[in-house]
C-alpha atoms as a PDB file:
ATOM      1  CA  MET A   1      -6.548  13.907   5.550  1.00  0.00           C
ATOM      2  CA  THR A   2      -4.544  16.945   6.483  1.00  0.00           C
ATOM      3  CA  GLY A   3      -2.689  18.927   3.884  1.00  0.00           C
ATOM      4  CA  SER A   4      -2.923  21.846   1.543  1.00  0.00           C
ATOM      5  CA  ASN A   5      -6.271  22.403  -0.154  1.00  0.00           C
ATOM      6  CA  ALA A   6      -4.844  25.030  -2.496  1.00  0.00           C
ATOM      7  CA  ASN A   7      -4.801  22.847  -5.547  1.00  0.00           C
ATOM      8  CA  ASP A   8      -6.871  19.666  -5.372  1.00  0.00           C
ATOM      9  CA  GLU A   9      -6.599  19.298  -9.133  1.00  0.00           C
ATOM     10  CA  ALA A  10      -2.832  19.694  -9.339  1.00  0.00           C
ATOM     11  CA  ALA A  11      -2.278  16.178 -10.596  1.00  0.00           C
ATOM     12  CA  ALA A  12      -4.689  16.763 -13.437  1.00  0.00           C
ATOM     13  CA  THR A  13      -2.737  19.749 -14.757  1.00  0.00           C
ATOM     14  CA  VAL A  14       0.871  18.590 -14.294  1.00  0.00           C
ATOM     15  CA  PRO A  15       2.474  16.476 -17.037  1.00  0.00           C
ATOM     16  CA  ALA A  16       3.533  12.958 -16.128  1.00  0.00           C
ATOM     17  CA  LEU A  17       7.154  12.489 -15.104  1.00  0.00           C
ATOM     18  CA  ASP A  18       9.154   9.748 -16.794  1.00  0.00           C
ATOM     19  CA  VAL A  19       9.888   7.353 -13.917  1.00  0.00           C
ATOM     20  CA  THR A  20      12.979   6.023 -15.682  1.00  0.00           C
ATOM     21  CA  ASN A  21      14.610   9.478 -15.452  1.00  0.00           C
ATOM     22  CA  LEU A  22      14.398   9.940 -11.664  1.00  0.00           C
ATOM     23  CA  ASN A  23      17.716  10.838 -10.052  1.00  0.00           C
ATOM     24  CA  THR A  24      19.192   9.391  -6.855  1.00  0.00           C
ATOM     25  CA  MET A  25      17.984  12.246  -4.649  1.00  0.00           C
ATOM     26  CA  GLN A  26      14.428  11.926  -5.957  1.00  0.00           C
ATOM     27  CA  LEU A  27      14.408   8.150  -5.447  1.00  0.00           C
ATOM     28  CA  ASP A  28      15.750   8.610  -1.906  1.00  0.00           C
ATOM     29  CA  ALA A  29      12.929  11.064  -1.163  1.00  0.00           C
ATOM     30  CA  LEU A  30      10.309   8.599  -2.394  1.00  0.00           C
ATOM     31  CA  ARG A  31      11.929   5.876  -0.278  1.00  0.00           C
ATOM     32  CA  GLU A  32      11.714   8.145   2.777  1.00  0.00           C
ATOM     33  CA  ILE A  33       8.005   8.701   2.144  1.00  0.00           C
ATOM     34  CA  GLY A  34       7.614   4.936   2.206  1.00  0.00           C
ATOM     35  CA  ASN A  35       9.719   4.701   5.356  1.00  0.00           C
ATOM     36  CA  ILE A  36       7.655   7.229   7.302  1.00  0.00           C
ATOM     37  CA  GLY A  37       4.311   5.966   6.033  1.00  0.00           C
ATOM     38  CA  ALA A  38       5.086   2.310   6.660  1.00  0.00           C
ATOM     39  CA  GLY A  39       6.598   3.055  10.067  1.00  0.00           C
ATOM     40  CA  THR A  40       3.346   4.691  11.132  1.00  0.00           C
ATOM     41  CA  ALA A  41       1.359   1.759   9.734  1.00  0.00           C
ATOM     42  CA  ALA A  42       3.577  -0.767  11.556  1.00  0.00           C
ATOM     43  CA  SER A  43       3.073   1.076  14.848  1.00  0.00           C
ATOM     44  CA  SER A  44      -0.696   0.982  14.331  1.00  0.00           C
ATOM     45  CA  LEU A  45      -0.635  -2.768  13.655  1.00  0.00           C
ATOM     46  CA  SER A  46       1.557  -3.335  16.708  1.00  0.00           C
ATOM     47  CA  LEU A  47      -1.021  -1.586  18.887  1.00  0.00           C
ATOM     48  CA  MET A  48      -3.796  -3.731  17.411  1.00  0.00           C
ATOM     49  CA  THR A  49      -2.052  -7.082  17.866  1.00  0.00           C
ATOM     50  CA  GLY A  50      -0.092  -6.369  21.038  1.00  0.00           C
ATOM     51  CA  GLU A  51       3.032  -7.668  19.307  1.00  0.00           C
ATOM     52  CA  PRO A  52       6.112  -5.737  18.133  1.00  0.00           C
ATOM     53  CA  ILE A  53       5.982  -5.248  14.374  1.00  0.00           C
ATOM     54  CA  GLY A  54       9.153  -4.439  12.480  1.00  0.00           C
ATOM     55  CA  MET A  55       9.747  -3.506   8.882  1.00  0.00           C
ATOM     56  CA  ALA A  56      12.437  -3.815   6.283  1.00  0.00           C
ATOM     57  CA  VAL A  57      14.011  -0.796   4.630  1.00  0.00           C
ATOM     58  CA  PRO A  58      11.536   0.382   1.964  1.00  0.00           C
ATOM     59  CA  ARG A  59      12.445  -0.237  -1.654  1.00  0.00           C
ATOM     60  CA  VAL A  60      11.620   1.897  -4.656  1.00  0.00           C
ATOM     61  CA  SER A  61      11.316  -0.256  -7.763  1.00  0.00           C
ATOM     62  CA  ILE A  62      10.619   0.649 -11.363  1.00  0.00           C
ATOM     63  CA  MET A  63       9.459  -2.125 -13.662  1.00  0.00           C
ATOM     64  CA  PRO A  64       7.143  -2.898 -16.568  1.00  0.00           C
ATOM     65  CA  VAL A  65       3.531  -2.932 -15.377  1.00  0.00           C
ATOM     66  CA  GLU A  66       3.033  -6.550 -16.437  1.00  0.00           C
ATOM     67  CA  GLU A  67       5.856  -7.749 -14.125  1.00  0.00           C
ATOM     68  CA  VAL A  68       4.415  -6.374 -10.875  1.00  0.00           C
ATOM     69  CA  GLY A  69       2.366  -9.489 -10.043  1.00  0.00           C
ATOM     70  CA  ASN A  70       5.378 -11.797 -10.166  1.00  0.00           C
ATOM     71  CA  TYR A  71       7.498  -9.283  -8.264  1.00  0.00           C
ATOM     72  CA  VAL A  72       5.282  -9.319  -5.173  1.00  0.00           C
ATOM     73  CA  GLY A  73       5.120 -13.092  -4.829  1.00  0.00           C
ATOM     74  CA  GLY A  74       4.031 -14.811  -8.002  1.00  0.00           C
ATOM     75  CA  GLU A  75       0.882 -14.404 -10.065  1.00  0.00           C
ATOM     76  CA  GLU A  76      -0.760 -17.562  -8.675  1.00  0.00           C
ATOM     77  CA  GLN A  77      -0.031 -17.189  -4.945  1.00  0.00           C
ATOM     78  CA  ILE A  78      -3.248 -16.966  -2.889  1.00  0.00           C
ATOM     79  CA  VAL A  79      -3.209 -13.812  -0.795  1.00  0.00           C
ATOM     80  CA  VAL A  80      -5.410 -11.458   1.143  1.00  0.00           C
ATOM     81  CA  ALA A  81      -5.188  -7.914  -0.186  1.00  0.00           C
ATOM     82  CA  VAL A  82      -6.613  -4.637   1.053  1.00  0.00           C
ATOM     83  CA  TYR A  83      -6.792  -2.040  -1.693  1.00  0.00           C
ATOM     84  CA  LEU A  84      -7.711   1.614  -1.740  1.00  0.00           C
ATOM     85  CA  GLN A  85      -7.404   4.375  -4.259  1.00  0.00           C
ATOM     86  CA  VAL A  86      -5.786   7.669  -3.300  1.00  0.00           C
ATOM     87  CA  ILE A  87      -7.516  10.776  -4.623  1.00  0.00           C
ATOM     88  CA  GLY A  88      -6.648  14.446  -4.245  1.00  0.00           C
ATOM     89  CA  ASP A  89      -3.404  16.209  -5.121  1.00  0.00           C
ATOM     90  CA  ALA A  90      -1.452  13.027  -5.929  1.00  0.00           C
ATOM     91  CA  PRO A  91      -3.670  10.153  -7.112  1.00  0.00           C
ATOM     92  CA  GLY A  92      -2.390   6.635  -6.706  1.00  0.00           C
ATOM     93  CA  HIS A  93      -3.057   3.191  -5.296  1.00  0.00           C
ATOM     94  CA  ILE A  94      -2.255   1.536  -1.961  1.00  0.00           C
ATOM     95  CA  VAL A  95      -2.261  -2.248  -1.641  1.00  0.00           C
ATOM     96  CA  PHE A  96      -1.487  -4.282   1.498  1.00  0.00           C
ATOM     97  CA  VAL A  97      -0.794  -7.904   0.539  1.00  0.00           C
ATOM     98  CA  ILE A  98      -0.607 -10.814   3.028  1.00  0.00           C
ATOM     99  CA  PRO A  99      -0.263 -14.532   2.222  1.00  0.00           C
ATOM    100  CA  ALA A 100      -3.503 -16.294   3.169  1.00  0.00           C
ATOM    101  CA  GLU A 101      -1.823 -18.524   5.774  1.00  0.00           C
ATOM    102  CA  THR A 102      -0.238 -15.523   7.467  1.00  0.00           C
ATOM    103  CA  ALA A 103      -3.571 -13.699   7.460  1.00  0.00           C
ATOM    104  CA  HIS A 104      -5.073 -16.509   9.551  1.00  0.00           C
ATOM    105  CA  GLU A 105      -2.256 -16.118  12.102  1.00  0.00           C
ATOM    106  CA  LEU A 106      -2.761 -12.355  12.267  1.00  0.00           C
ATOM    107  CA  CYS A 107      -6.481 -12.849  12.880  1.00  0.00           C
ATOM    108  CA  HIS A 108      -5.709 -15.284  15.693  1.00  0.00           C
ATOM    109  CA  GLN A 109      -3.423 -12.724  17.352  1.00  0.00           C
ATOM    110  CA  LEU A 110      -5.914  -9.908  16.928  1.00  0.00           C
ATOM    111  CA  MET A 111      -8.819 -11.892  18.370  1.00  0.00           C
ATOM    112  CA  GLY A 112      -6.823 -13.131  21.355  1.00  0.00           C
ATOM    113  CA  GLY A 113      -7.769 -16.782  20.959  1.00  0.00           C
ATOM    114  CA  MET A 114     -11.507 -16.161  20.530  1.00  0.00           C
ATOM    115  CA  GLN A 115     -13.371 -18.680  18.407  1.00  0.00           C
ATOM    116  CA  ALA A 116     -13.517 -17.244  14.900  1.00  0.00           C
ATOM    117  CA  GLY A 117     -16.502 -19.257  13.723  1.00  0.00           C
ATOM    118  CA  ASP A 118     -16.886 -21.506  10.701  1.00  0.00           C
ATOM    119  CA  PRO A 119     -14.927 -20.488   7.595  1.00  0.00           C
ATOM    120  CA  ASP A 120     -16.693 -19.616   4.379  1.00  0.00           C
ATOM    121  CA  PRO A 121     -15.871 -22.372   1.845  1.00  0.00           C
ATOM    122  CA  ALA A 122     -15.389 -19.734  -0.852  1.00  0.00           C
ATOM    123  CA  THR A 123     -12.716 -17.751   1.014  1.00  0.00           C
ATOM    124  CA  GLY A 124     -11.412 -20.034   3.765  1.00  0.00           C
ATOM    125  CA  PHE A 125     -12.077 -17.288   6.330  1.00  0.00           C
ATOM    126  CA  SER A 126     -14.913 -16.828   8.798  1.00  0.00           C
ATOM    127  CA  GLU A 127     -17.006 -13.679   8.866  1.00  0.00           C
ATOM    128  CA  MET A 128     -15.222 -12.583  12.051  1.00  0.00           C
ATOM    129  CA  GLU A 129     -11.805 -13.110  10.453  1.00  0.00           C
ATOM    130  CA  LEU A 130     -12.802 -11.122   7.376  1.00  0.00           C
ATOM    131  CA  SER A 131     -13.972  -8.301   9.620  1.00  0.00           C
ATOM    132  CA  ALA A 132     -10.641  -8.374  11.481  1.00  0.00           C
ATOM    133  CA  LEU A 133      -8.674  -8.270   8.225  1.00  0.00           C
ATOM    134  CA  GLN A 134     -10.784  -5.373   6.968  1.00  0.00           C
ATOM    135  CA  GLU A 135     -10.018  -3.477  10.168  1.00  0.00           C
ATOM    136  CA  ILE A 136      -6.292  -4.234   9.884  1.00  0.00           C
ATOM    137  CA  GLY A 137      -6.357  -2.880   6.342  1.00  0.00           C
ATOM    138  CA  ASN A 138      -8.342   0.212   7.318  1.00  0.00           C
ATOM    139  CA  VAL A 139      -5.960   1.121  10.118  1.00  0.00           C
ATOM    140  CA  MET A 140      -2.738   0.444   8.219  1.00  0.00           C
ATOM    141  CA  THR A 141      -3.679   2.148   4.963  1.00  0.00           C
ATOM    142  CA  GLY A 142      -5.161   5.107   6.829  1.00  0.00           C
ATOM    143  CA  SER A 143      -2.024   5.509   8.951  1.00  0.00           C
ATOM    144  CA  TYR A 144       0.212   5.328   5.887  1.00  0.00           C
ATOM    145  CA  LEU A 145      -1.777   7.933   3.991  1.00  0.00           C
ATOM    146  CA  ARG A 146      -1.977  10.353   6.936  1.00  0.00           C
ATOM    147  CA  ALA A 147       1.799  10.199   7.367  1.00  0.00           C
ATOM    148  CA  MET A 148       2.310  10.819   3.654  1.00  0.00           C
ATOM    149  CA  ALA A 149      -0.099  13.774   3.668  1.00  0.00           C
ATOM    150  CA  ASP A 150       1.628  15.317   6.692  1.00  0.00           C
ATOM    151  CA  LEU A 151       5.071  14.940   5.105  1.00  0.00           C
ATOM    152  CA  THR A 152       4.155  16.391   1.717  1.00  0.00           C
ATOM    153  CA  ARG A 153       1.524  18.874   2.995  1.00  0.00           C
ATOM    154  CA  MET A 154      -0.806  17.711   0.266  1.00  0.00           C
ATOM    155  CA  HIS A 155      -4.523  16.999   0.295  1.00  0.00           C
ATOM    156  CA  LEU A 156      -4.901  13.221   0.028  1.00  0.00           C
ATOM    157  CA  GLU A 157      -8.108  11.262   0.502  1.00  0.00           C
ATOM    158  CA  PRO A 158      -8.650   7.484   0.538  1.00  0.00           C
ATOM    159  CA  THR A 159     -11.527   5.697  -1.087  1.00  0.00           C
ATOM    160  CA  PRO A 160     -13.179   3.047   1.143  1.00  0.00           C
ATOM    161  CA  PRO A 161     -10.786   0.063   1.321  1.00  0.00           C
ATOM    162  CA  ALA A 162     -11.773  -3.120  -0.502  1.00  0.00           C
ATOM    163  CA  LEU A 163     -10.805  -6.575   0.764  1.00  0.00           C
ATOM    164  CA  GLY A 164     -10.048  -9.391  -1.668  1.00  0.00           C
ATOM    165  CA  ILE A 165      -8.873 -13.003  -1.378  1.00  0.00           C
ATOM    166  CA  ASP A 166      -7.525 -14.459  -4.606  1.00  0.00           C
ATOM    167  CA  MET A 167      -4.372 -14.976  -6.630  1.00  0.00           C
ATOM    168  CA  ILE A 168      -2.064 -11.954  -6.678  1.00  0.00           C
ATOM    169  CA  GLY A 169      -2.390 -11.597 -10.435  1.00  0.00           C
ATOM    170  CA  ALA A 170      -6.179 -11.408 -10.273  1.00  0.00           C
ATOM    171  CA  LEU A 171      -6.258  -8.977  -7.344  1.00  0.00           C
ATOM    172  CA  LEU A 172      -3.724  -6.579  -8.844  1.00  0.00           C
ATOM    173  CA  GLY A 173      -5.172  -6.826 -12.337  1.00  0.00           C
ATOM    174  CA  SER A 174      -7.552  -3.871 -12.095  1.00  0.00           C
ATOM    175  CA  VAL A 175      -4.939  -1.651 -10.423  1.00  0.00           C
ATOM    176  CA  LEU A 176      -2.326  -2.416 -13.049  1.00  0.00           C
ATOM    177  CA  ALA A 177      -4.823  -2.000 -15.879  1.00  0.00           C
ATOM    178  CA  GLU A 178      -5.517   1.542 -14.688  1.00  0.00           C
ATOM    179  CA  VAL A 179      -1.828   2.376 -14.315  1.00  0.00           C
ATOM    180  CA  SER A 180      -1.041   0.917 -17.745  1.00  0.00           C
ATOM    181  CA  GLN A 181      -3.415   3.394 -19.404  1.00  0.00           C
ATOM    182  CA  SER A 182      -0.908   6.179 -18.784  1.00  0.00           C
ATOM    183  CA  THR A 183       2.448   4.382 -18.655  1.00  0.00           C
ATOM    184  CA  SER A 184       4.138   1.095 -19.461  1.00  0.00           C
ATOM    185  CA  MET A 185       6.378   1.395 -16.385  1.00  0.00           C
ATOM    186  CA  ALA A 186       5.173   1.250 -12.779  1.00  0.00           C
ATOM    187  CA  LEU A 187       6.907   2.769  -9.772  1.00  0.00           C
ATOM    188  CA  LEU A 188       6.393   0.852  -6.522  1.00  0.00           C
ATOM    189  CA  ILE A 189       7.275   2.037  -3.028  1.00  0.00           C
ATOM    190  CA  GLU A 190       7.379  -1.284  -1.178  1.00  0.00           C
ATOM    191  CA  THR A 191       7.822  -2.190   2.479  1.00  0.00           C
ATOM    192  CA  ALA A 192       7.936  -5.686   3.975  1.00  0.00           C
ATOM    193  CA  PHE A 193       6.631  -6.087   7.527  1.00  0.00           C
ATOM    194  CA  GLU A 194       8.198  -8.483  10.023  1.00  0.00           C
ATOM    195  CA  GLU A 195       7.067 -10.121  13.269  1.00  0.00           C
ATOM    196  CA  ALA A 196       9.062 -12.482  15.494  1.00  0.00           C
ATOM    197  CA  ASP A 197       7.225 -15.614  14.361  1.00  0.00           C
ATOM    198  CA  MET A 198       6.487 -14.401  10.835  1.00  0.00           C
ATOM    199  CA  PRO A 199       9.483 -12.816   9.096  1.00  0.00           C
ATOM    200  CA  SER A 200       8.459 -10.797   6.047  1.00  0.00           C
ATOM    201  CA  PHE A 201       4.762 -11.523   6.518  1.00  0.00           C
ATOM    202  CA  GLY A 202       3.244  -8.761   4.410  1.00  0.00           C
ATOM    203  CA  HIS A 203       3.973  -6.257   1.672  1.00  0.00           C
ATOM    204  CA  PHE A 204       2.723  -2.708   1.526  1.00  0.00           C
ATOM    205  CA  LEU A 205       2.730  -1.136  -1.929  1.00  0.00           C
ATOM    206  CA  PHE A 206       2.140   2.464  -2.891  1.00  0.00           C
ATOM    207  CA  VAL A 207       1.783   2.858  -6.648  1.00  0.00           C
ATOM    208  CA  PRO A 208       1.470   6.549  -7.577  1.00  0.00           C
ATOM    209  CA  GLU A 209      -0.062   7.538 -10.870  1.00  0.00           C
ATOM    210  CA  PRO A 210       2.741   8.753 -13.175  1.00  0.00           C
ATOM    211  CA  VAL A 211       1.301  12.271 -13.184  1.00  0.00           C
ATOM    212  CA  SER A 212       1.492  12.335  -9.372  1.00  0.00           C
ATOM    213  CA  LEU A 213       5.251  11.881  -9.114  1.00  0.00           C
ATOM    214  CA  GLU A 214       6.005  15.412 -10.241  1.00  0.00           C
ATOM    215  CA  VAL A 215       3.421  16.785  -7.801  1.00  0.00           C
ATOM    216  CA  VAL A 216       4.978  14.880  -4.884  1.00  0.00           C
ATOM    217  CA  LEU A 217       8.568  15.750  -5.772  1.00  0.00           C
ATOM    218  CA  ARG A 218       7.706  19.414  -6.292  1.00  0.00           C
ATOM    219  CA  SER A 219       6.049  19.518  -2.859  1.00  0.00           C
ATOM    220  CA  LEU A 220       9.370  18.314  -1.404  1.00  0.00           C
ATOM    221  CA  GLY A 221      11.375  20.925  -3.309  1.00  0.00           C
ATOM    222  CA  LEU A 222      13.055  18.391  -5.591  1.00  0.00           C
ATOM    223  CA  ILE A 223      11.698  19.818  -8.840  1.00  0.00           C
ATOM    224  CA  ALA A 224      11.900  23.505  -9.661  1.00  0.00           C
END
């Protein structure tokens, strides 16, 4: 990722910012990060599928950590999720969540009608479909993170993305457990993606570590 290498350990030395005290200008800046990152990700997905991909206006939400699962669709909804951890100047988490049924439709578009093969009874997806979903996740999360790094001029690196198929609550459990070690409140930068036949088909979440918020806002000149 591009960005400043001057202080890779900045997030480790800056105190955590109380997310409940963010002002309107700071929240707008975080929303714009989501807008630029998700716009780049949507363009990448559009190129992959050959279909126009739109997106809703990003939302910045602050809520108790334990409520995040219900917020993104209900704890028991079966989804496909691509997760990666962000390391570098502003550690955090990126999760792309798609309902399982929608994921099948995306795979069909991406493979252009090719036979996907027999589904695995454990996941409901064939090996070819899982590979396609992994690639969708790689491209979208990578595009999002590059755009964020360019905007903030920070050094941001992704861990290898992990693909999971399960209930939302189970998939987000490990992410939320890590966030809850440092705060009881989570800040989500959320974008819903839209396609002509599948309105609001996926959700893209960026969950920064609390200590990272001050680093990001300072890089944008919004904290002295």
